[in-house]
PDB file of all heavy atoms in Angstrom:
ATOM      1  N   VAL A   1       2.070   6.181   3.381  1.00  0.00           N
ATOM      2  CA  VAL A   1       2.289   7.439   2.729  1.00  0.00           C
ATOM      3  C   VAL A   1       2.333   7.302   1.198  1.00  0.00           C
ATOM      4  O   VAL A   1       1.738   8.070   0.497  1.00  0.00           O
ATOM      5  CB  VAL A   1       3.625   8.090   3.249  1.00  0.00           C
ATOM      6  CG1 VAL A   1       3.935   9.348   2.487  1.00  0.00           C
ATOM      7  CG2 VAL A   1       3.464   8.393   4.727  1.00  0.00           C
ATOM      8  N   ALA A   2       3.024   6.280   0.759  1.00  0.00           N
ATOM      9  CA  ALA A   2       3.168   6.104  -0.739  1.00  0.00           C
ATOM     10  C   ALA A   2       1.802   5.820  -1.375  1.00  0.00           C
ATOM     11  O   ALA A   2       1.470   6.354  -2.442  1.00  0.00           O
ATOM     12  CB  ALA A   2       4.067   4.913  -0.995  1.00  0.00           C
ATOM     13  N   ILE A   3       0.961   5.026  -0.715  1.00  0.00           N
ATOM     14  CA  ILE A   3      -0.376   4.748  -1.218  1.00  0.00           C
ATOM     15  C   ILE A   3      -1.199   5.992  -1.235  1.00  0.00           C
ATOM     16  O   ILE A   3      -1.905   6.290  -2.236  1.00  0.00           O
ATOM     17  CB  ILE A   3      -1.055   3.623  -0.410  1.00  0.00           C
ATOM     18  CG1 ILE A   3      -0.376   2.273  -0.606  1.00  0.00           C
ATOM     19  CG2 ILE A   3      -2.536   3.523  -0.733  1.00  0.00           C
ATOM     20  CD1 ILE A   3      -0.738   1.171   0.357  1.00  0.00           C
ATOM     21  N   ALA A   4      -1.117   6.804  -0.184  1.00  0.00           N
ATOM     22  CA  ALA A   4      -1.890   8.024  -0.143  1.00  0.00           C
ATOM     23  C   ALA A   4      -1.453   9.017  -1.245  1.00  0.00           C
ATOM     24  O   ALA A   4      -2.286   9.641  -1.910  1.00  0.00           O
ATOM     25  CB  ALA A   4      -1.731   8.713   1.247  1.00  0.00           C
ATOM     26  N   VAL A   5      -0.186   9.105  -1.486  1.00  0.00           N
ATOM     27  CA  VAL A   5       0.346   9.978  -2.494  1.00  0.00           C
ATOM     28  C   VAL A   5      -0.085   9.507  -3.875  1.00  0.00           C
ATOM     29  O   VAL A   5      -0.542  10.353  -4.703  1.00  0.00           O
ATOM     30  CB  VAL A   5       1.930  10.076  -2.458  1.00  0.00           C
ATOM     31  CG1 VAL A   5       2.505  10.733  -3.686  1.00  0.00           C
ATOM     32  CG2 VAL A   5       2.342  10.846  -1.197  1.00  0.00           C
ATOM     33  N   LEU A   6       0.000   8.222  -4.143  1.00  0.00           N
ATOM     34  CA  LEU A   6      -0.442   7.723  -5.483  1.00  0.00           C
ATOM     35  C   LEU A   6      -1.952   7.932  -5.703  1.00  0.00           C
ATOM     36  O   LEU A   6      -2.392   8.326  -6.766  1.00  0.00           O
ATOM     37  CB  LEU A   6      -0.111   6.251  -5.590  1.00  0.00           C
ATOM     38  CG  LEU A   6       1.287   5.860  -5.943  1.00  0.00           C
ATOM     39  CD1 LEU A   6       1.476   4.361  -5.889  1.00  0.00           C
ATOM     40  CD2 LEU A   6       1.683   6.400  -7.311  1.00  0.00           C
ATOM     41  N   THR A   7      -2.730   7.725  -4.623  1.00  0.00           N
ATOM     42  CA  THR A   7      -4.167   7.919  -4.728  1.00  0.00           C
ATOM     43  C   THR A   7      -4.496   9.380  -4.976  1.00  0.00           C
ATOM     44  O   THR A   7      -5.311   9.726  -5.844  1.00  0.00           O
ATOM     45  CB  THR A   7      -4.831   7.457  -3.455  1.00  0.00           C
ATOM     46  OG1 THR A   7      -4.505   6.033  -3.258  1.00  0.00           O
ATOM     47  CG2 THR A   7      -6.369   7.548  -3.567  1.00  0.00           C
ATOM     48  N   GLU A   8      -3.840  10.243  -4.231  1.00  0.00           N
ATOM     49  CA  GLU A   8      -4.091  11.688  -4.393  1.00  0.00           C
ATOM     50  C   GLU A   8      -3.658  12.196  -5.771  1.00  0.00           C
ATOM     51  O   GLU A   8      -4.338  12.982  -6.395  1.00  0.00           O
ATOM     52  CB  GLU A   8      -3.361  12.478  -3.295  1.00  0.00           C
ATOM     53  CG  GLU A   8      -3.688  13.966  -3.300  1.00  0.00           C
ATOM     54  CD  GLU A   8      -3.046  14.698  -2.145  1.00  0.00           C
ATOM     55  OE1 GLU A   8      -3.015  14.147  -1.028  1.00  0.00           O
ATOM     56  OE2 GLU A   8      -2.540  15.815  -2.388  1.00  0.00           O
ATOM     57  N   ALA A   9      -2.529  11.716  -6.223  1.00  0.00           N
ATOM     58  CA  ALA A   9      -2.010  12.114  -7.556  1.00  0.00           C
ATOM     59  C   ALA A   9      -2.995  11.646  -8.613  1.00  0.00           C
ATOM     60  O   ALA A   9      -3.242  12.328  -9.594  1.00  0.00           O
ATOM     61  CB  ALA A   9      -0.636  11.546  -7.817  1.00  0.00           C
ATOM     62  N   GLY A  10      -3.518  10.480  -8.458  1.00  0.00           N
ATOM     63  CA  GLY A  10      -4.505   9.921  -9.437  1.00  0.00           C
ATOM     64  C   GLY A  10      -5.777  10.751  -9.423  1.00  0.00           C
ATOM     65  O   GLY A  10      -6.338  10.989 -10.442  1.00  0.00           O
ATOM     66  N   ASP A  11      -6.195  11.181  -8.225  1.00  0.00           N
ATOM     67  CA  ASP A  11      -7.439  11.972  -8.133  1.00  0.00           C
ATOM     68  C   ASP A  11      -7.228  13.342  -8.825  1.00  0.00           C
ATOM     69  O   ASP A  11      -8.144  13.836  -9.470  1.00  0.00           O
ATOM     70  CB  ASP A  11      -7.800  12.197  -6.646  1.00  0.00           C
ATOM     71  CG  ASP A  11      -8.278  10.924  -5.989  1.00  0.00           C
ATOM     72  OD1 ASP A  11      -8.601   9.971  -6.685  1.00  0.00           O
ATOM     73  OD2 ASP A  11      -8.340  10.897  -4.722  1.00  0.00           O
ATOM     74  N   GLN A  12      -6.020  13.885  -8.724  1.00  0.00           N
ATOM     75  CA  GLN A  12      -5.790  15.215  -9.285  1.00  0.00           C
ATOM     76  C   GLN A  12      -5.487  15.094 -10.802  1.00  0.00           C
ATOM     77  O   GLN A  12      -5.889  15.948 -11.575  1.00  0.00           O
ATOM     78  CB  GLN A  12      -4.615  15.882  -8.612  1.00  0.00           C
ATOM     79  CG  GLN A  12      -4.913  16.294  -7.191  1.00  0.00           C
ATOM     80  CD  GLN A  12      -3.708  16.865  -6.488  1.00  0.00           C
ATOM     81  OE1 GLN A  12      -2.590  16.944  -7.016  1.00  0.00           O
ATOM     82  NE2 GLN A  12      -3.890  17.295  -5.260  1.00  0.00           N
ATOM     83  N   GLY A  13      -4.799  14.031 -11.187  1.00  0.00           N
ATOM     84  CA  GLY A  13      -4.377  13.919 -12.574  1.00  0.00           C
ATOM     85  C   GLY A  13      -5.322  13.101 -13.441  1.00  0.00           C
ATOM     86  O   GLY A  13      -5.175  13.065 -14.664  1.00  0.00           O
ATOM     87  N   GLY A  14      -6.293  12.447 -12.819  1.00  0.00           N
ATOM     88  CA  GLY A  14      -7.246  11.674 -13.623  1.00  0.00           C
ATOM     89  C   GLY A  14      -6.804  10.252 -13.891  1.00  0.00           C
ATOM     90  O   GLY A  14      -7.605   9.479 -14.464  1.00  0.00           O
ATOM     91  N   PHE A  15      -5.598   9.875 -13.512  1.00  0.00           N
ATOM     92  CA  PHE A  15      -5.142   8.506 -13.765  1.00  0.00           C
ATOM     93  C   PHE A  15      -4.556   7.943 -12.469  1.00  0.00           C
ATOM     94  O   PHE A  15      -3.641   8.497 -11.903  1.00  0.00           O
ATOM     95  CB  PHE A  15      -4.046   8.473 -14.864  1.00  0.00           C
ATOM     96  CG  PHE A  15      -3.456   7.138 -15.047  1.00  0.00           C
ATOM     97  CD1 PHE A  15      -4.093   6.125 -15.700  1.00  0.00           C
ATOM     98  CD2 PHE A  15      -2.196   6.829 -14.535  1.00  0.00           C
ATOM     99  CE1 PHE A  15      -3.575   4.852 -15.838  1.00  0.00           C
ATOM    100  CE2 PHE A  15      -1.623   5.564 -14.686  1.00  0.00           C
ATOM    101  CZ  PHE A  15      -2.297   4.574 -15.335  1.00  0.00           C
ATOM    102  N   THR A  16      -5.144   6.864 -12.036  1.00  0.00           N
ATOM    103  CA  THR A  16      -4.659   6.161 -10.846  1.00  0.00           C
ATOM    104  C   THR A  16      -4.058   4.820 -11.290  1.00  0.00           C
ATOM    105  O   THR A  16      -4.733   4.051 -11.928  1.00  0.00           O
ATOM    106  CB  THR A  16      -5.815   5.955  -9.869  1.00  0.00           C
ATOM    107  OG1 THR A  16      -6.388   7.173  -9.555  1.00  0.00           O
ATOM    108  CG2 THR A  16      -5.305   5.301  -8.552  1.00  0.00           C
ATOM    109  N   ASP A  17      -2.856   4.598 -10.876  1.00  0.00           N
ATOM    110  CA  ASP A  17      -2.201   3.305 -11.214  1.00  0.00           C
ATOM    111  C   ASP A  17      -2.640   2.237 -10.215  1.00  0.00           C
ATOM    112  O   ASP A  17      -2.036   2.046  -9.187  1.00  0.00           O
ATOM    113  CB  ASP A  17      -0.666   3.499 -11.149  1.00  0.00           C
ATOM    114  CG  ASP A  17       0.063   2.271 -11.688  1.00  0.00           C
ATOM    115  OD1 ASP A  17      -0.551   1.256 -11.980  1.00  0.00           O
ATOM    116  OD2 ASP A  17       1.311   2.319 -11.809  1.00  0.00           O
ATOM    117  N   GLN A  18      -3.801   1.625 -10.536  1.00  0.00           N
ATOM    118  CA  GLN A  18      -4.391   0.660  -9.627  1.00  0.00           C
ATOM    119  C   GLN A  18      -3.514  -0.523  -9.362  1.00  0.00           C
ATOM    120  O   GLN A  18      -3.517  -1.089  -8.273  1.00  0.00           O
ATOM    121  CB  GLN A  18      -5.749   0.211 -10.165  1.00  0.00           C
ATOM    122  CG  GLN A  18      -6.814   1.320 -10.199  1.00  0.00           C
ATOM    123  CD  GLN A  18      -7.195   1.801  -8.776  1.00  0.00           C
ATOM    124  OE1 GLN A  18      -7.167   1.019  -7.854  1.00  0.00           O
ATOM    125  NE2 GLN A  18      -7.491   3.025  -8.688  1.00  0.00           N
ATOM    126  N   LEU A  19      -2.757  -0.954 -10.368  1.00  0.00           N
ATOM    127  CA  LEU A  19      -1.869  -2.105 -10.213  1.00  0.00           C
ATOM    128  C   LEU A  19      -0.767  -1.816  -9.190  1.00  0.00           C
ATOM    129  O   LEU A  19      -0.486  -2.630  -8.324  1.00  0.00           O
ATOM    130  CB  LEU A  19      -1.274  -2.493 -11.566  1.00  0.00           C
ATOM    131  CG  LEU A  19      -0.368  -3.712 -11.573  1.00  0.00           C
ATOM    132  CD1 LEU A  19      -1.120  -4.949 -11.089  1.00  0.00           C
ATOM    133  CD2 LEU A  19       0.201  -3.994 -12.947  1.00  0.00           C
ATOM    134  N   GLN A  20      -0.156  -0.620  -9.275  1.00  0.00           N
ATOM    135  CA  GLN A  20       0.860  -0.256  -8.355  1.00  0.00           C
ATOM    136  C   GLN A  20       0.292  -0.121  -6.919  1.00  0.00           C
ATOM    137  O   GLN A  20       0.930  -0.589  -5.965  1.00  0.00           O
ATOM    138  CB  GLN A  20       1.508   1.070  -8.779  1.00  0.00           C
ATOM    139  CG  GLN A  20       2.649   1.515  -7.875  1.00  0.00           C
ATOM    140  CD  GLN A  20       3.846   0.551  -7.952  1.00  0.00           C
ATOM    141  OE1 GLN A  20       4.023  -0.172  -8.894  1.00  0.00           O
ATOM    142  NE2 GLN A  20       4.614   0.548  -6.888  1.00  0.00           N
ATOM    143  N   ILE A  21      -0.880   0.458  -6.813  1.00  0.00           N
ATOM    144  CA  ILE A  21      -1.497   0.595  -5.498  1.00  0.00           C
ATOM    145  C   ILE A  21      -1.818  -0.774  -4.894  1.00  0.00           C
ATOM    146  O   ILE A  21      -1.603  -1.056  -3.730  1.00  0.00           O
ATOM    147  CB  ILE A  21      -2.769   1.464  -5.572  1.00  0.00           C
ATOM    148  CG1 ILE A  21      -2.355   2.940  -5.905  1.00  0.00           C
ATOM    149  CG2 ILE A  21      -3.592   1.355  -4.311  1.00  0.00           C
ATOM    150  CD1 ILE A  21      -3.521   3.862  -6.152  1.00  0.00           C
ATOM    151  N   ALA A  22      -2.278  -1.718  -5.737  1.00  0.00           N
ATOM    152  CA  ALA A  22      -2.580  -3.042  -5.274  1.00  0.00           C
ATOM    153  C   ALA A  22      -1.320  -3.781  -4.805  1.00  0.00           C
ATOM    154  O   ALA A  22      -1.332  -4.464  -3.772  1.00  0.00           O
ATOM    155  CB  ALA A  22      -3.251  -3.900  -6.419  1.00  0.00           C
ATOM    156  N   ARG A  23      -0.204  -3.575  -5.519  1.00  0.00           N
ATOM    157  CA  ARG A  23       1.069  -4.175  -5.106  1.00  0.00           C
ATOM    158  C   ARG A  23       1.516  -3.628  -3.752  1.00  0.00           C
ATOM    159  O   ARG A  23       2.012  -4.369  -2.927  1.00  0.00           O
ATOM    160  CB  ARG A  23       2.127  -3.918  -6.158  1.00  0.00           C
ATOM    161  CG  ARG A  23       1.936  -4.756  -7.384  1.00  0.00           C
ATOM    162  CD  ARG A  23       2.918  -4.414  -8.462  1.00  0.00           C
ATOM    163  NE  ARG A  23       2.771  -5.241  -9.624  1.00  0.00           N
ATOM    164  CZ  ARG A  23       3.175  -4.937 -10.818  1.00  0.00           C
ATOM    165  NH1 ARG A  23       3.829  -3.815 -11.039  1.00  0.00           N
ATOM    166  NH2 ARG A  23       2.979  -5.720 -11.863  1.00  0.00           N
ATOM    167  N   LEU A  24       1.389  -2.307  -3.598  1.00  0.00           N
ATOM    168  CA  LEU A  24       1.795  -1.691  -2.327  1.00  0.00           C
ATOM    169  C   LEU A  24       0.902  -2.209  -1.194  1.00  0.00           C
ATOM    170  O   LEU A  24       1.446  -2.483  -0.084  1.00  0.00           O
ATOM    171  CB  LEU A  24       1.712  -0.181  -2.437  1.00  0.00           C
ATOM    172  CG  LEU A  24       2.753   0.470  -3.376  1.00  0.00           C
ATOM    173  CD1 LEU A  24       2.468   1.972  -3.485  1.00  0.00           C
ATOM    174  CD2 LEU A  24       4.147   0.194  -2.920  1.00  0.00           C
ATOM    175  N   LYS A  25      -0.378  -2.320  -1.416  1.00  0.00           N
ATOM    176  CA  LYS A  25      -1.228  -2.851  -0.384  1.00  0.00           C
ATOM    177  C   LYS A  25      -0.940  -4.283  -0.019  1.00  0.00           C
ATOM    178  O   LYS A  25      -1.006  -4.705   1.142  1.00  0.00           O
ATOM    179  CB  LYS A  25      -2.716  -2.704  -0.783  1.00  0.00           C
ATOM    180  CG  LYS A  25      -3.223  -1.253  -0.773  1.00  0.00           C
ATOM    181  CD  LYS A  25      -4.676  -1.204  -1.186  1.00  0.00           C
ATOM    182  CE  LYS A  25      -5.157   0.273  -1.081  1.00  0.00           C
ATOM    183  NZ  LYS A  25      -6.610   0.358  -1.390  1.00  0.00           N
ATOM    184  N   LYS A  26      -0.627  -5.100  -1.022  1.00  0.00           N
ATOM    185  CA  LYS A  26      -0.240  -6.512  -0.784  1.00  0.00           C
ATOM    186  C   LYS A  26       1.023  -6.524   0.055  1.00  0.00           C
ATOM    187  O   LYS A  26       1.157  -7.328   1.023  1.00  0.00           O
ATOM    188  CB  LYS A  26      -0.050  -7.212  -2.083  1.00  0.00           C
ATOM    189  CG  LYS A  26       0.270  -8.679  -1.912  1.00  0.00           C
ATOM    190  CD  LYS A  26       0.334  -9.403  -3.222  1.00  0.00           C
ATOM    191  CE  LYS A  26       0.674 -10.892  -3.018  1.00  0.00           C
ATOM    192  NZ  LYS A  26       0.734 -11.577  -4.292  1.00  0.00           N
ATOM    193  N   ARG A  27       2.027  -5.720  -0.284  1.00  0.00           N
ATOM    194  CA  ARG A  27       3.260  -5.653   0.487  1.00  0.00           C
ATOM    195  C   ARG A  27       2.960  -5.234   1.927  1.00  0.00           C
ATOM    196  O   ARG A  27       3.548  -5.714   2.879  1.00  0.00           O
ATOM    197  CB  ARG A  27       4.221  -4.631  -0.176  1.00  0.00           C
ATOM    198  CG  ARG A  27       5.502  -4.392   0.568  1.00  0.00           C
ATOM    199  CD  ARG A  27       6.408  -5.546   0.550  1.00  0.00           C
ATOM    200  NE  ARG A  27       7.625  -5.230   1.266  1.00  0.00           N
ATOM    201  CZ  ARG A  27       8.351  -6.110   1.896  1.00  0.00           C
ATOM    202  NH1 ARG A  27       8.040  -7.348   1.863  1.00  0.00           N
ATOM    203  NH2 ARG A  27       9.396  -5.744   2.587  1.00  0.00           N
ATOM    204  N   LYS A  28       2.057  -4.270   2.090  1.00  0.00           N
ATOM    205  CA  LYS A  28       1.672  -3.798   3.427  1.00  0.00           C
ATOM    206  C   LYS A  28       1.031  -4.975   4.274  1.00  0.00           C
ATOM    207  O   LYS A  28       1.317  -5.081   5.449  1.00  0.00           O
ATOM    208  CB  LYS A  28       0.650  -2.676   3.248  1.00  0.00           C
ATOM    209  CG  LYS A  28       0.742  -1.634   4.297  1.00  0.00           C
ATOM    210  CD  LYS A  28      -0.211  -0.504   3.974  1.00  0.00           C
ATOM    211  CE  LYS A  28      -1.074  -0.345   5.168  1.00  0.00           C
ATOM    212  NZ  LYS A  28      -2.097   0.625   5.094  1.00  0.00           N
ATOM    213  N   LEU A  29       0.231  -5.776   3.615  1.00  0.00           N
ATOM    214  CA  LEU A  29      -0.343  -6.927   4.323  1.00  0.00           C
ATOM    215  C   LEU A  29       0.700  -7.944   4.763  1.00  0.00           C
ATOM    216  O   LEU A  29       0.680  -8.484   5.844  1.00  0.00           O
ATOM    217  CB  LEU A  29      -1.401  -7.612   3.452  1.00  0.00           C
ATOM    218  CG  LEU A  29      -2.725  -6.891   3.324  1.00  0.00           C
ATOM    219  CD1 LEU A  29      -3.606  -7.555   2.304  1.00  0.00           C
ATOM    220  CD2 LEU A  29      -3.452  -6.750   4.628  1.00  0.00           C
ATOM    221  N   ILE A  30       1.671  -8.169   3.868  1.00  0.00           N
ATOM    222  CA  ILE A  30       2.770  -9.086   4.213  1.00  0.00           C
ATOM    223  C   ILE A  30       3.573  -8.536   5.404  1.00  0.00           C
ATOM    224  O   ILE A  30       3.866  -9.288   6.333  1.00  0.00           O
ATOM    225  CB  ILE A  30       3.688  -9.267   2.984  1.00  0.00           C
ATOM    226  CG1 ILE A  30       2.982 -10.026   1.896  1.00  0.00           C
ATOM    227  CG2 ILE A  30       5.005  -9.984   3.363  1.00  0.00           C
ATOM    228  CD1 ILE A  30       3.676 -10.051   0.514  1.00  0.00           C
ATOM    229  N   LEU A  31       3.850  -7.255   5.374  1.00  0.00           N
ATOM    230  CA  LEU A  31       4.549  -6.630   6.510  1.00  0.00           C
ATOM    231  C   LEU A  31       3.753  -6.750   7.800  1.00  0.00           C
ATOM    232  O   LEU A  31       4.275  -7.033   8.883  1.00  0.00           O
ATOM    233  CB  LEU A  31       4.839  -5.151   6.235  1.00  0.00           C
ATOM    234  CG  LEU A  31       5.871  -4.895   5.153  1.00  0.00           C
ATOM    235  CD1 LEU A  31       5.976  -3.424   4.878  1.00  0.00           C
ATOM    236  CD2 LEU A  31       7.227  -5.443   5.566  1.00  0.00           C
ATOM    237  N   LYS A  32       2.409  -6.555   7.720  1.00  0.00           N
ATOM    238  CA  LYS A  32       1.569  -6.655   8.866  1.00  0.00           C
ATOM    239  C   LYS A  32       1.644  -8.063   9.475  1.00  0.00           C
ATOM    240  O   LYS A  32       1.734  -8.229  10.717  1.00  0.00           O
ATOM    241  CB  LYS A  32       0.119  -6.309   8.536  1.00  0.00           C
ATOM    242  CG  LYS A  32      -0.837  -6.298   9.687  1.00  0.00           C
ATOM    243  CD  LYS A  32      -2.218  -5.923   9.249  1.00  0.00           C
ATOM    244  CE  LYS A  32      -3.190  -5.988  10.386  1.00  0.00           C
ATOM    245  NZ  LYS A  32      -4.534  -5.710  10.025  1.00  0.00           N
ATOM    246  N   ASP A  33       1.626  -9.062   8.642  1.00  0.00           N
ATOM    247  CA  ASP A  33       1.757 -10.439   9.098  1.00  0.00           C
ATOM    248  C   ASP A  33       3.108 -10.689   9.791  1.00  0.00           C
ATOM    249  O   ASP A  33       3.172 -11.337  10.845  1.00  0.00           O
ATOM    250  CB  ASP A  33       1.587 -11.432   7.948  1.00  0.00           C
ATOM    251  CG  ASP A  33       0.168 -11.504   7.411  1.00  0.00           C
ATOM    252  OD1 ASP A  33      -0.729 -11.062   8.164  1.00  0.00           O
ATOM    253  OD2 ASP A  33      -0.035 -11.979   6.294  1.00  0.00           O
ATOM    254  N   ARG A  34       4.171 -10.169   9.212  1.00  0.00           N
ATOM    255  CA  ARG A  34       5.495 -10.344   9.786  1.00  0.00           C
ATOM    256  C   ARG A  34       5.584  -9.626  11.136  1.00  0.00           C
ATOM    257  O   ARG A  34       6.225 -10.109  12.069  1.00  0.00           O
ATOM    258  CB  ARG A  34       6.602  -9.862   8.840  1.00  0.00           C
ATOM    259  CG  ARG A  34       6.729 -10.764   7.632  1.00  0.00           C
ATOM    260  CD  ARG A  34       7.865 -10.271   6.726  1.00  0.00           C
ATOM    261  NE  ARG A  34       7.936 -11.139   5.550  1.00  0.00           N
ATOM    262  CZ  ARG A  34       8.708 -10.838   4.521  1.00  0.00           C
ATOM    263  NH1 ARG A  34       9.397  -9.736   4.461  1.00  0.00           N
ATOM    264  NH2 ARG A  34       8.721 -11.644   3.461  1.00  0.00           N
ATOM    265  N   ILE A  35       4.983  -8.422  11.197  1.00  0.00           N
ATOM    266  CA  ILE A  35       4.979  -7.677  12.423  1.00  0.00           C
ATOM    267  C   ILE A  35       4.225  -8.478  13.554  1.00  0.00           C
ATOM    268  O   ILE A  35       4.703  -8.590  14.658  1.00  0.00           O
ATOM    269  CB  ILE A  35       4.321  -6.277  12.262  1.00  0.00           C
ATOM    270  CG1 ILE A  35       5.273  -5.394  11.439  1.00  0.00           C
ATOM    271  CG2 ILE A  35       3.965  -5.637  13.591  1.00  0.00           C
ATOM    272  CD1 ILE A  35       4.590  -4.131  10.936  1.00  0.00           C
ATOM    273  N   SER A  36       3.120  -9.046  13.163  1.00  0.00           N
ATOM    274  CA  SER A  36       2.347  -9.862  14.118  1.00  0.00           C
ATOM    275  C   SER A  36       3.140 -11.071  14.627  1.00  0.00           C
ATOM    276  O   SER A  36       3.084 -11.390  15.824  1.00  0.00           O
ATOM    277  CB  SER A  36       1.057 -10.349  13.498  1.00  0.00           C
ATOM    278  OG  SER A  36       0.189  -9.251  13.233  1.00  0.00           O
ATOM    279  N   ILE A  37       3.838 -11.690  13.764  1.00  0.00           N
ATOM    280  CA  ILE A  37       4.690 -12.830  14.136  1.00  0.00           C
ATOM    281  C   ILE A  37       5.774 -12.468  15.155  1.00  0.00           C
ATOM    282  O   ILE A  37       5.939 -13.127  16.170  1.00  0.00           O
ATOM    283  CB  ILE A  37       5.274 -13.544  12.906  1.00  0.00           C
ATOM    284  CG1 ILE A  37       4.170 -14.210  12.069  1.00  0.00           C
ATOM    285  CG2 ILE A  37       6.365 -14.571  13.284  1.00  0.00           C
ATOM    286  CD1 ILE A  37       4.616 -14.687  10.695  1.00  0.00           C
ATOM    287  N   ILE A  38       6.411 -11.353  14.854  1.00  0.00           N
ATOM    288  CA  ILE A  38       7.473 -10.910  15.792  1.00  0.00           C
ATOM    289  C   ILE A  38       6.895 -10.492  17.105  1.00  0.00           C
ATOM    290  O   ILE A  38       7.437 -10.806  18.153  1.00  0.00           O
ATOM    291  CB  ILE A  38       8.347  -9.802  15.126  1.00  0.00           C
ATOM    292  CG1 ILE A  38       9.106 -10.347  13.919  1.00  0.00           C
ATOM    293  CG2 ILE A  38       9.267  -9.163  16.150  1.00  0.00           C
ATOM    294  CD1 ILE A  38       9.849  -9.313  13.151  1.00  0.00           C
ATOM    295  N   GLU A  39       5.786  -9.745  17.079  1.00  0.00           N
ATOM    296  CA  GLU A  39       5.124  -9.388  18.337  1.00  0.00           C
ATOM    297  C   GLU A  39       4.732 -10.576  19.172  1.00  0.00           C
ATOM    298  O   GLU A  39       4.871 -10.576  20.371  1.00  0.00           O
ATOM    299  CB  GLU A  39       3.929  -8.475  18.038  1.00  0.00           C
ATOM    300  CG  GLU A  39       4.259  -7.085  17.580  1.00  0.00           C
ATOM    301  CD  GLU A  39       3.089  -6.259  17.173  1.00  0.00           C
ATOM    302  OE1 GLU A  39       2.000  -6.816  16.865  1.00  0.00           O
ATOM    303  OE2 GLU A  39       3.264  -5.061  17.109  1.00  0.00           O
ATOM    304  N   ASP A  40       4.210 -11.601  18.487  1.00  0.00           N
ATOM    305  CA  ASP A  40       3.862 -12.824  19.192  1.00  0.00           C
ATOM    306  C   ASP A  40       5.072 -13.471  19.866  1.00  0.00           C
ATOM    307  O   ASP A  40       4.957 -14.060  20.958  1.00  0.00           O
ATOM    308  CB  ASP A  40       3.165 -13.815  18.263  1.00  0.00           C
ATOM    309  CG  ASP A  40       1.764 -13.378  17.851  1.00  0.00           C
ATOM    310  OD1 ASP A  40       1.216 -12.515  18.509  1.00  0.00           O
ATOM    311  OD2 ASP A  40       1.251 -13.987  16.923  1.00  0.00           O
ATOM    312  N   ASN A  41       6.164 -13.423  19.210  1.00  0.00           N
ATOM    313  CA  ASN A  41       7.409 -14.008  19.763  1.00  0.00           C
ATOM    314  C   ASN A  41       7.930 -13.175  20.935  1.00  0.00           C
ATOM    315  O   ASN A  41       8.538 -13.716  21.865  1.00  0.00           O
ATOM    316  CB  ASN A  41       8.519 -14.085  18.723  1.00  0.00           C
ATOM    317  CG  ASN A  41       8.258 -15.230  17.734  1.00  0.00           C
ATOM    318  OD1 ASN A  41       7.642 -16.247  18.021  1.00  0.00           O
ATOM    319  ND2 ASN A  41       8.709 -15.054  16.507  1.00  0.00           N
TER     320      ASN A  41
END
């Protein structure tokens, strides 16, 4: 949701904080890995 909001706000306002979006996506990947580990257990 946060990534979608930032992307949409950037589309409307003309400025997208690519660094912040990249950080959120990286955090999302880390969470996905942790989720996979727990599911495997």
